[in-house]
Amino acid sequence: MSLTRVLAFSSSRVGNSAYLETAISPIKEFLGDRPLRIAFIPFADADNNYDAYLAKVAEGLKILPYRFDVVKRENAKMVIEQAEAIMVGGGNTFKLLHHLYEYKLIDLIKDQVKAGKPYVGWSAGSNIAGLSIGTTNDMPIIEPESFKGLGFLPCQINPHYINMKQDGHNGETRDERLHEFLKINPQASIVALPEGSALQLEEDILKLAGQAPAVLFRLNPQSSSLIRTAIKTNEDVSWLL
């Protein structure tokens, strides 16, 4: 049995809720209510104000009994190894992955999580939990060493999923962009997570958690058309593993 435990949220907010407000209950259920020491990875923050980011997360989750230690270049290995869980915040996915490769943290995080250390992420932090960041919504403001993610989840992730088409706008919809990815990567599966949803992996069971249904995208191998399948809340999608 795999020891890998992952909770990957679409976003830090749902609607007009406060920061991480809707994540409190799922995180508590996932991590428990003892005073865990958590390594918080803030590298998705484009402002590089990591202490302020940590303070924001700690404030959002202040009713939970956790201690947060911010991961920085100079202390990264020690903080991650000494932590009892790893948490990765949102922001710019390209910047996040760039620094993880730059600071040589990819293999360390993989080893720690595969050995049983829980992983919690949202937005960019969820993007990197999949096979690659090729389905992020973010601007490539910096070039990472690779687009390969941590590979905890056996699919591509598209956080903040919405497929709105504004009248008079001639750019691609989200579905059209995801279809483009699948045309180039026809064997891939994409789980598109609307705000309010999350993927949870525990004891080799992968399910959709949260308040909103998600969408699974795959490519029809005969016609190259897009196959769009709804995923219900609490649905077991372990067959993706």
C-alpha atoms as a PDB file:
ATOM      1  CA  MET A   1       0.000   0.000   0.000  1.00  0.00           C
ATOM      2  CA  SER A   2       1.263   3.471  -0.891  1.00  0.00           C
ATOM      3  CA  LEU A   3       1.895   5.850   2.017  1.00  0.00           C
ATOM      4  CA  THR A   4       1.352   8.940  -0.150  1.00  0.00           C
ATOM      5  CA  ARG A   5      -1.263  11.313   1.278  1.00  0.00           C
ATOM      6  CA  VAL A   6      -2.265  14.404  -0.706  1.00  0.00           C
ATOM      7  CA  LEU A   7      -4.958  17.057  -0.355  1.00  0.00           C
ATOM      8  CA  ALA A   8      -4.987  19.338  -3.398  1.00  0.00           C
ATOM      9  CA  PHE A   9      -7.433  22.264  -3.363  1.00  0.00           C
ATOM     10  CA  SER A  10      -8.450  24.219  -6.439  1.00  0.00           C
ATOM     11  CA  SER A  11      -8.087  27.523  -4.595  1.00  0.00           C
ATOM     12  CA  SER A  12      -7.575  29.256  -1.277  1.00  0.00           C
ATOM     13  CA  ARG A  13     -10.991  30.917  -1.428  1.00  0.00           C
ATOM     14  CA  VAL A  14     -14.478  29.970  -2.571  1.00  0.00           C
ATOM     15  CA  GLY A  15     -16.693  32.834  -3.645  1.00  0.00           C
ATOM     16  CA  ASN A  16     -16.555  35.646  -1.086  1.00  0.00           C
ATOM     17  CA  SER A  17     -15.236  33.487   1.732  1.00  0.00           C
ATOM     18  CA  ALA A  18     -12.255  34.557   3.808  1.00  0.00           C
ATOM     19  CA  TYR A  19      -8.767  33.332   2.984  1.00  0.00           C
ATOM     20  CA  LEU A  20      -8.585  29.534   3.519  1.00  0.00           C
ATOM     21  CA  GLU A  21     -11.912  29.633   5.371  1.00  0.00           C
ATOM     22  CA  THR A  22     -13.425  26.735   3.430  1.00  0.00           C
ATOM     23  CA  ALA A  23     -10.187  24.735   3.665  1.00  0.00           C
ATOM     24  CA  ILE A  24     -10.101  24.654   7.469  1.00  0.00           C
ATOM     25  CA  SER A  25     -12.440  21.702   7.977  1.00  0.00           C
ATOM     26  CA  PRO A  26     -10.947  19.485   5.226  1.00  0.00           C
ATOM     27  CA  ILE A  27      -7.403  20.238   6.406  1.00  0.00           C
ATOM     28  CA  LYS A  28      -8.310  19.407  10.011  1.00  0.00           C
ATOM     29  CA  GLU A  29      -9.924  16.146   8.905  1.00  0.00           C
ATOM     30  CA  PHE A  30      -6.904  15.316   6.740  1.00  0.00           C
ATOM     31  CA  LEU A  31      -4.117  16.254   9.170  1.00  0.00           C
ATOM     32  CA  GLY A  32      -5.863  15.771  12.476  1.00  0.00           C
ATOM     33  CA  ASP A  33      -6.079  18.094  15.452  1.00  0.00           C
ATOM     34  CA  ARG A  34      -2.746  17.537  17.178  1.00  0.00           C
ATOM     35  CA  PRO A  35      -0.108  20.323  17.068  1.00  0.00           C
ATOM     36  CA  LEU A  36       1.756  19.333  13.923  1.00  0.00           C
ATOM     37  CA  ARG A  37       4.840  21.147  12.680  1.00  0.00           C
ATOM     38  CA  ILE A  38       4.200  22.164   9.072  1.00  0.00           C
ATOM     39  CA  ALA A  39       6.737  23.268   6.468  1.00  0.00           C
ATOM     40  CA  PHE A  40       5.107  26.004   4.391  1.00  0.00           C
ATOM     41  CA  ILE A  41       6.540  26.486   0.884  1.00  0.00           C
ATOM     42  CA  PRO A  42       5.803  30.060  -0.327  1.00  0.00           C
ATOM     43  CA  PHE A  43       7.781  30.214  -3.585  1.00  0.00           C
ATOM     44  CA  ALA A  44       4.704  30.862  -5.762  1.00  0.00           C
ATOM     45  CA  ASP A  45       4.575  34.389  -4.316  1.00  0.00           C
ATOM     46  CA  ALA A  46       5.776  36.721  -7.084  1.00  0.00           C
ATOM     47  CA  ASP A  47       6.560  39.443  -4.517  1.00  0.00           C
ATOM     48  CA  ASN A  48       9.049  37.198  -2.679  1.00  0.00           C
ATOM     49  CA  ASN A  49       7.549  38.397   0.612  1.00  0.00           C
ATOM     50  CA  TYR A  50       7.614  34.963   2.178  1.00  0.00           C
ATOM     51  CA  ASP A  51       7.236  36.001   5.814  1.00  0.00           C
ATOM     52  CA  ALA A  52       4.105  37.994   4.980  1.00  0.00           C
ATOM     53  CA  TYR A  53       2.729  35.039   3.037  1.00  0.00           C
ATOM     54  CA  LEU A  54       3.344  32.721   5.984  1.00  0.00           C
ATOM     55  CA  ALA A  55       1.612  35.196   8.314  1.00  0.00           C
ATOM     56  CA  LYS A  56      -1.416  35.260   6.004  1.00  0.00           C
ATOM     57  CA  VAL A  57      -1.654  31.465   5.974  1.00  0.00           C
ATOM     58  CA  ALA A  58      -1.173  31.216   9.744  1.00  0.00           C
ATOM     59  CA  GLU A  59      -3.924  33.795  10.272  1.00  0.00           C
ATOM     60  CA  GLY A  60      -6.274  31.971   7.911  1.00  0.00           C
ATOM     61  CA  LEU A  61      -5.730  28.680   9.746  1.00  0.00           C
ATOM     62  CA  LYS A  62      -5.325  30.110  13.242  1.00  0.00           C
ATOM     63  CA  ILE A  63      -8.071  27.975  14.768  1.00  0.00           C
ATOM     64  CA  LEU A  64      -6.049  24.865  13.912  1.00  0.00           C
ATOM     65  CA  PRO A  65      -3.306  23.797  16.352  1.00  0.00           C
ATOM     66  CA  TYR A  66      -0.430  23.754  13.860  1.00  0.00           C
ATOM     67  CA  ARG A  67       2.976  25.411  13.947  1.00  0.00           C
ATOM     68  CA  PHE A  68       4.131  26.800  10.604  1.00  0.00           C
ATOM     69  CA  ASP A  69       7.767  27.150   9.552  1.00  0.00           C
ATOM     70  CA  VAL A  70       8.436  29.002   6.307  1.00  0.00           C
ATOM     71  CA  VAL A  71      10.734  27.323   3.800  1.00  0.00           C
ATOM     72  CA  LYS A  72      13.455  29.596   2.422  1.00  0.00           C
ATOM     73  CA  ARG A  73      16.489  28.887   0.308  1.00  0.00           C
ATOM     74  CA  GLU A  74      18.864  28.905   3.271  1.00  0.00           C
ATOM     75  CA  ASN A  75      16.835  26.561   5.499  1.00  0.00           C
ATOM     76  CA  ALA A  76      14.773  24.532   3.031  1.00  0.00           C
ATOM     77  CA  LYS A  77      16.223  21.069   3.558  1.00  0.00           C
ATOM     78  CA  MET A  78      16.196  21.303   7.350  1.00  0.00           C
ATOM     79  CA  VAL A  79      12.656  22.718   7.608  1.00  0.00           C
ATOM     80  CA  ILE A  80      11.180  20.147   5.210  1.00  0.00           C
ATOM     81  CA  GLU A  81      12.929  17.215   6.879  1.00  0.00           C
ATOM     82  CA  GLN A  82      11.943  18.287  10.399  1.00  0.00           C
ATOM     83  CA  ALA A  83       8.312  19.006   9.523  1.00  0.00           C
ATOM     84  CA  GLU A  84       5.458  16.564  10.052  1.00  0.00           C
ATOM     85  CA  ALA A  85       3.558  17.823   7.001  1.00  0.00           C
ATOM     86  CA  ILE A  86       4.252  19.911   3.897  1.00  0.00           C
ATOM     87  CA  MET A  87       1.976  22.745   2.740  1.00  0.00           C
ATOM     88  CA  VAL A  88       2.412  24.596  -0.570  1.00  0.00           C
ATOM     89  CA  GLY A  89       0.604  27.847  -1.275  1.00  0.00           C
ATOM     90  CA  GLY A  90      -0.776  29.316  -4.474  1.00  0.00           C
ATOM     91  CA  GLY A  91       0.512  32.049  -6.706  1.00  0.00           C
ATOM     92  CA  ASN A  92       2.535  31.633  -9.884  1.00  0.00           C
ATOM     93  CA  THR A  93       3.102  27.978 -10.738  1.00  0.00           C
ATOM     94  CA  PHE A  94       6.132  28.636 -12.953  1.00  0.00           C
ATOM     95  CA  LYS A  95       7.914  30.537 -10.195  1.00  0.00           C
ATOM     96  CA  LEU A  96       7.069  27.888  -7.620  1.00  0.00           C
ATOM     97  CA  LEU A  97       8.454  25.057  -9.712  1.00  0.00           C
ATOM     98  CA  HIS A  98      11.474  27.125 -10.787  1.00  0.00           C
ATOM     99  CA  HIS A  99      12.597  27.547  -7.185  1.00  0.00           C
ATOM    100  CA  LEU A 100      11.914  23.929  -6.260  1.00  0.00           C
ATOM    101  CA  TYR A 101      14.276  22.861  -9.029  1.00  0.00           C
ATOM    102  CA  GLU A 102      16.738  25.683  -8.356  1.00  0.00           C
ATOM    103  CA  TYR A 103      17.026  24.769  -4.675  1.00  0.00           C
ATOM    104  CA  LYS A 104      17.087  21.027  -5.490  1.00  0.00           C
ATOM    105  CA  LEU A 105      13.987  20.262  -3.441  1.00  0.00           C
ATOM    106  CA  ILE A 106      12.012  18.125  -5.907  1.00  0.00           C
ATOM    107  CA  ASP A 107      13.496  14.763  -4.912  1.00  0.00           C
ATOM    108  CA  LEU A 108      13.498  15.678  -1.224  1.00  0.00           C
ATOM    109  CA  ILE A 109       9.776  16.506  -1.256  1.00  0.00           C
ATOM    110  CA  LYS A 110       8.978  13.387  -3.284  1.00  0.00           C
ATOM    111  CA  ASP A 111      10.869  11.173  -0.865  1.00  0.00           C
ATOM    112  CA  GLN A 112       9.288  12.777   2.201  1.00  0.00           C
ATOM    113  CA  VAL A 113       5.727  12.501   0.895  1.00  0.00           C
ATOM    114  CA  LYS A 114       6.149   8.975  -0.467  1.00  0.00           C
ATOM    115  CA  ALA A 115       7.411   7.998   2.986  1.00  0.00           C
ATOM    116  CA  GLY A 116       4.110   9.164   4.496  1.00  0.00           C
ATOM    117  CA  LYS A 117       4.499  12.883   5.191  1.00  0.00           C
ATOM    118  CA  PRO A 118       1.152  14.542   4.284  1.00  0.00           C
ATOM    119  CA  TYR A 119       1.091  17.106   1.461  1.00  0.00           C
ATOM    120  CA  VAL A 120      -1.463  19.931   1.293  1.00  0.00           C
ATOM    121  CA  GLY A 121      -1.549  22.403  -1.596  1.00  0.00           C
ATOM    122  CA  TRP A 122      -3.848  24.874  -3.268  1.00  0.00           C
ATOM    123  CA  SER A 123      -3.823  26.453  -6.717  1.00  0.00           C
ATOM    124  CA  ALA A 124      -0.129  26.404  -7.788  1.00  0.00           C
ATOM    125  CA  GLY A 125       0.558  24.006  -4.918  1.00  0.00           C
ATOM    126  CA  SER A 126      -1.986  21.626  -6.439  1.00  0.00           C
ATOM    127  CA  ASN A 127      -0.703  22.113  -9.984  1.00  0.00           C
ATOM    128  CA  ILE A 128       2.730  20.788  -9.077  1.00  0.00           C
ATOM    129  CA  ALA A 129       1.229  17.731  -7.343  1.00  0.00           C
ATOM    130  CA  GLY A 130       0.261  16.379 -10.765  1.00  0.00           C
ATOM    131  CA  LEU A 131       2.401  15.010 -13.560  1.00  0.00           C
ATOM    132  CA  SER A 132       3.348  18.384 -15.028  1.00  0.00           C
ATOM    133  CA  ILE A 133       2.371  22.053 -14.887  1.00  0.00           C
ATOM    134  CA  GLY A 134       1.315  22.046 -18.526  1.00  0.00           C
ATOM    135  CA  THR A 135      -2.305  22.771 -17.621  1.00  0.00           C
ATOM    136  CA  THR A 136      -1.730  25.701 -15.272  1.00  0.00           C
ATOM    137  CA  ASN A 137      -3.581  28.958 -15.938  1.00  0.00           C
ATOM    138  CA  ASP A 138      -0.569  31.072 -14.982  1.00  0.00           C
ATOM    139  CA  MET A 139       1.682  33.369 -16.980  1.00  0.00           C
ATOM    140  CA  PRO A 140       5.181  31.892 -17.529  1.00  0.00           C
ATOM    141  CA  ILE A 141       6.999  34.726 -15.733  1.00  0.00           C
ATOM    142  CA  ILE A 142      10.112  32.586 -15.251  1.00  0.00           C
ATOM    143  CA  GLU A 143      11.355  29.391 -16.874  1.00  0.00           C
ATOM    144  CA  PRO A 144      11.732  26.377 -14.580  1.00  0.00           C
ATOM    145  CA  GLU A 145      14.277  23.678 -15.274  1.00  0.00           C
ATOM    146  CA  SER A 146      11.435  21.340 -16.221  1.00  0.00           C
ATOM    147  CA  PHE A 147       7.652  21.363 -16.419  1.00  0.00           C
ATOM    148  CA  LYS A 148       7.547  17.993 -14.632  1.00  0.00           C
ATOM    149  CA  GLY A 149       5.642  18.107 -11.371  1.00  0.00           C
ATOM    150  CA  LEU A 150       5.923  16.023  -8.233  1.00  0.00           C
ATOM    151  CA  GLY A 151       3.761  13.271  -9.715  1.00  0.00           C
ATOM    152  CA  PHE A 152       1.791  12.474  -6.564  1.00  0.00           C
ATOM    153  CA  LEU A 153      -1.425  12.574  -8.573  1.00  0.00           C
ATOM    154  CA  PRO A 154      -1.593  10.489 -11.776  1.00  0.00           C
ATOM    155  CA  CYS A 155      -3.014  13.231 -13.966  1.00  0.00           C
ATOM    156  CA  GLN A 156      -2.819  16.863 -14.963  1.00  0.00           C
ATOM    157  CA  ILE A 157      -4.517  19.384 -12.685  1.00  0.00           C
ATOM    158  CA  ASN A 158      -6.325  22.525 -13.800  1.00  0.00           C
ATOM    159  CA  PRO A 159      -7.231  24.620 -10.724  1.00  0.00           C
ATOM    160  CA  HIS A 160      -9.735  27.489 -10.693  1.00  0.00           C
ATOM    161  CA  TYR A 161     -11.616  25.727 -13.487  1.00  0.00           C
ATOM    162  CA  ILE A 162     -14.331  27.685 -15.234  1.00  0.00           C
ATOM    163  CA  ASN A 163     -15.391  27.580 -18.869  1.00  0.00           C
ATOM    164  CA  MET A 164     -16.987  30.980 -19.295  1.00  0.00           C
ATOM    165  CA  LYS A 165     -17.254  32.600 -22.737  1.00  0.00           C
ATOM    166  CA  GLN A 166     -17.722  36.372 -22.611  1.00  0.00           C
ATOM    167  CA  ASP A 167     -19.689  37.977 -25.436  1.00  0.00           C
ATOM    168  CA  GLY A 168     -17.370  39.744 -27.866  1.00  0.00           C
ATOM    169  CA  HIS A 169     -14.241  38.012 -26.562  1.00  0.00           C
ATOM    170  CA  ASN A 170     -12.408  35.994 -29.197  1.00  0.00           C
ATOM    171  CA  GLY A 171      -9.852  34.166 -27.075  1.00  0.00           C
ATOM    172  CA  GLU A 172     -10.036  30.478 -26.275  1.00  0.00           C
ATOM    173  CA  THR A 173     -12.248  29.098 -23.532  1.00  0.00           C
ATOM    174  CA  ARG A 174     -10.668  26.972 -20.814  1.00  0.00           C
ATOM    175  CA  ASP A 175     -12.047  23.819 -22.452  1.00  0.00           C
ATOM    176  CA  GLU A 176     -10.468  24.809 -25.757  1.00  0.00           C
ATOM    177  CA  ARG A 177      -7.074  25.332 -24.106  1.00  0.00           C
ATOM    178  CA  LEU A 178      -7.262  21.990 -22.321  1.00  0.00           C
ATOM    179  CA  HIS A 179      -8.248  20.356 -25.604  1.00  0.00           C
ATOM    180  CA  GLU A 180      -5.114  21.847 -27.181  1.00  0.00           C
ATOM    181  CA  PHE A 181      -2.992  20.273 -24.458  1.00  0.00           C
ATOM    182  CA  LEU A 182      -4.585  16.870 -25.045  1.00  0.00           C
ATOM    183  CA  LYS A 183      -4.004  17.065 -28.797  1.00  0.00           C
ATOM    184  CA  ILE A 184      -0.267  17.324 -28.098  1.00  0.00           C
ATOM    185  CA  ASN A 185      -0.413  14.921 -25.111  1.00  0.00           C
ATOM    186  CA  PRO A 186      -3.095  12.437 -26.191  1.00  0.00           C
ATOM    187  CA  GLN A 187      -2.464   9.919 -23.385  1.00  0.00           C
ATOM    188  CA  ALA A 188      -2.985  12.485 -20.631  1.00  0.00           C
ATOM    189  CA  SER A 189      -5.947  12.888 -18.310  1.00  0.00           C
ATOM    190  CA  ILE A 190      -6.829  16.296 -16.888  1.00  0.00           C
ATOM    191  CA  VAL A 191      -8.852  16.836 -13.727  1.00  0.00           C
ATOM    192  CA  ALA A 192     -10.287  20.350 -13.832  1.00  0.00           C
ATOM    193  CA  LEU A 193     -11.072  21.555 -10.311  1.00  0.00           C
ATOM    194  CA  PRO A 194     -13.607  24.363  -9.895  1.00  0.00           C
ATOM    195  CA  GLU A 195     -13.141  26.542  -6.834  1.00  0.00           C
ATOM    196  CA  GLY A 196     -14.581  24.685  -3.871  1.00  0.00           C
ATOM    197  CA  SER A 197     -13.274  21.279  -4.951  1.00  0.00           C
ATOM    198  CA  ALA A 198     -10.179  19.261  -4.105  1.00  0.00           C
ATOM    199  CA  LEU A 199      -8.550  15.917  -4.850  1.00  0.00           C
ATOM    200  CA  GLN A 200      -7.726  13.766  -1.858  1.00  0.00           C
ATOM    201  CA  LEU A 201      -5.407  10.746  -1.976  1.00  0.00           C
ATOM    202  CA  GLU A 202      -5.166   8.417   1.035  1.00  0.00           C
ATOM    203  CA  GLU A 203      -4.552   4.678   1.346  1.00  0.00           C
ATOM    204  CA  ASP A 204      -4.528   4.267  -2.447  1.00  0.00           C
ATOM    205  CA  ILE A 205      -7.988   5.839  -2.687  1.00  0.00           C
ATOM    206  CA  LEU A 206      -8.343   8.975  -4.809  1.00  0.00           C
ATOM    207  CA  LYS A 207     -11.579  10.895  -4.459  1.00  0.00           C
ATOM    208  CA  LEU A 208     -13.077  14.287  -5.208  1.00  0.00           C
ATOM    209  CA  ALA A 209     -13.575  16.251  -1.996  1.00  0.00           C
ATOM    210  CA  GLY A 210     -15.132  19.631  -1.321  1.00  0.00           C
ATOM    211  CA  GLN A 211     -18.311  21.369  -2.363  1.00  0.00           C
ATOM    212  CA  ALA A 212     -18.253  21.384  -6.176  1.00  0.00           C
ATOM    213  CA  PRO A 213     -18.229  18.748  -8.926  1.00  0.00           C
ATOM    214  CA  ALA A 214     -15.164  18.569 -11.160  1.00  0.00           C
ATOM    215  CA  VAL A 215     -14.535  17.576 -14.769  1.00  0.00           C
ATOM    216  CA  LEU A 216     -12.277  14.910 -16.240  1.00  0.00           C
ATOM    217  CA  PHE A 217     -10.916  15.656 -19.712  1.00  0.00           C
ATOM    218  CA  ARG A 218      -9.488  13.043 -22.066  1.00  0.00           C
ATOM    219  CA  LEU A 219      -8.980  12.801 -25.816  1.00  0.00           C
ATOM    220  CA  ASN A 220     -10.991  10.500 -28.045  1.00  0.00           C
ATOM    221  CA  PRO A 221      -8.235   8.492 -29.792  1.00  0.00           C
ATOM    222  CA  GLN A 222     -10.324   7.923 -32.922  1.00  0.00           C
ATOM    223  CA  SER A 223     -11.632  11.433 -33.573  1.00  0.00           C
ATOM    224  CA  SER A 224      -9.290  13.608 -31.451  1.00  0.00           C
ATOM    225  CA  SER A 225     -12.422  15.187 -30.019  1.00  0.00           C
ATOM    226  CA  LEU A 226     -12.648  16.164 -26.360  1.00  0.00           C
ATOM    227  CA  ILE A 227     -14.212  13.723 -23.913  1.00  0.00           C
ATOM    228  CA  ARG A 228     -15.651  15.639 -20.980  1.00  0.00           C
ATOM    229  CA  THR A 229     -16.831  13.591 -17.969  1.00  0.00           C
ATOM    230  CA  ALA A 230     -18.362  15.030 -14.799  1.00  0.00           C
ATOM    231  CA  ILE A 231     -16.915  13.941 -11.440  1.00  0.00           C
ATOM    232  CA  LYS A 232     -19.350  14.114  -8.553  1.00  0.00           C
ATOM    233  CA  THR A 233     -18.456  15.294  -5.064  1.00  0.00           C
ATOM    234  CA  ASN A 234     -17.057  12.384  -3.005  1.00  0.00           C
ATOM    235  CA  GLU A 235     -16.756  10.244  -6.133  1.00  0.00           C
ATOM    236  CA  ASP A 236     -14.019   7.617  -6.026  1.00  0.00           C
ATOM    237  CA  VAL A 237     -11.691   8.080  -8.998  1.00  0.00           C
ATOM    238  CA  SER A 238      -9.052   5.612  -7.838  1.00  0.00           C
ATOM    239  CA  TRP A 239      -9.129   3.970 -11.258  1.00  0.00           C
ATOM    240  CA  LEU A 240      -6.964   6.914 -12.394  1.00  0.00           C
ATOM    241  CA  LEU A 241      -4.113   5.658 -10.190  1.00  0.00           C
END
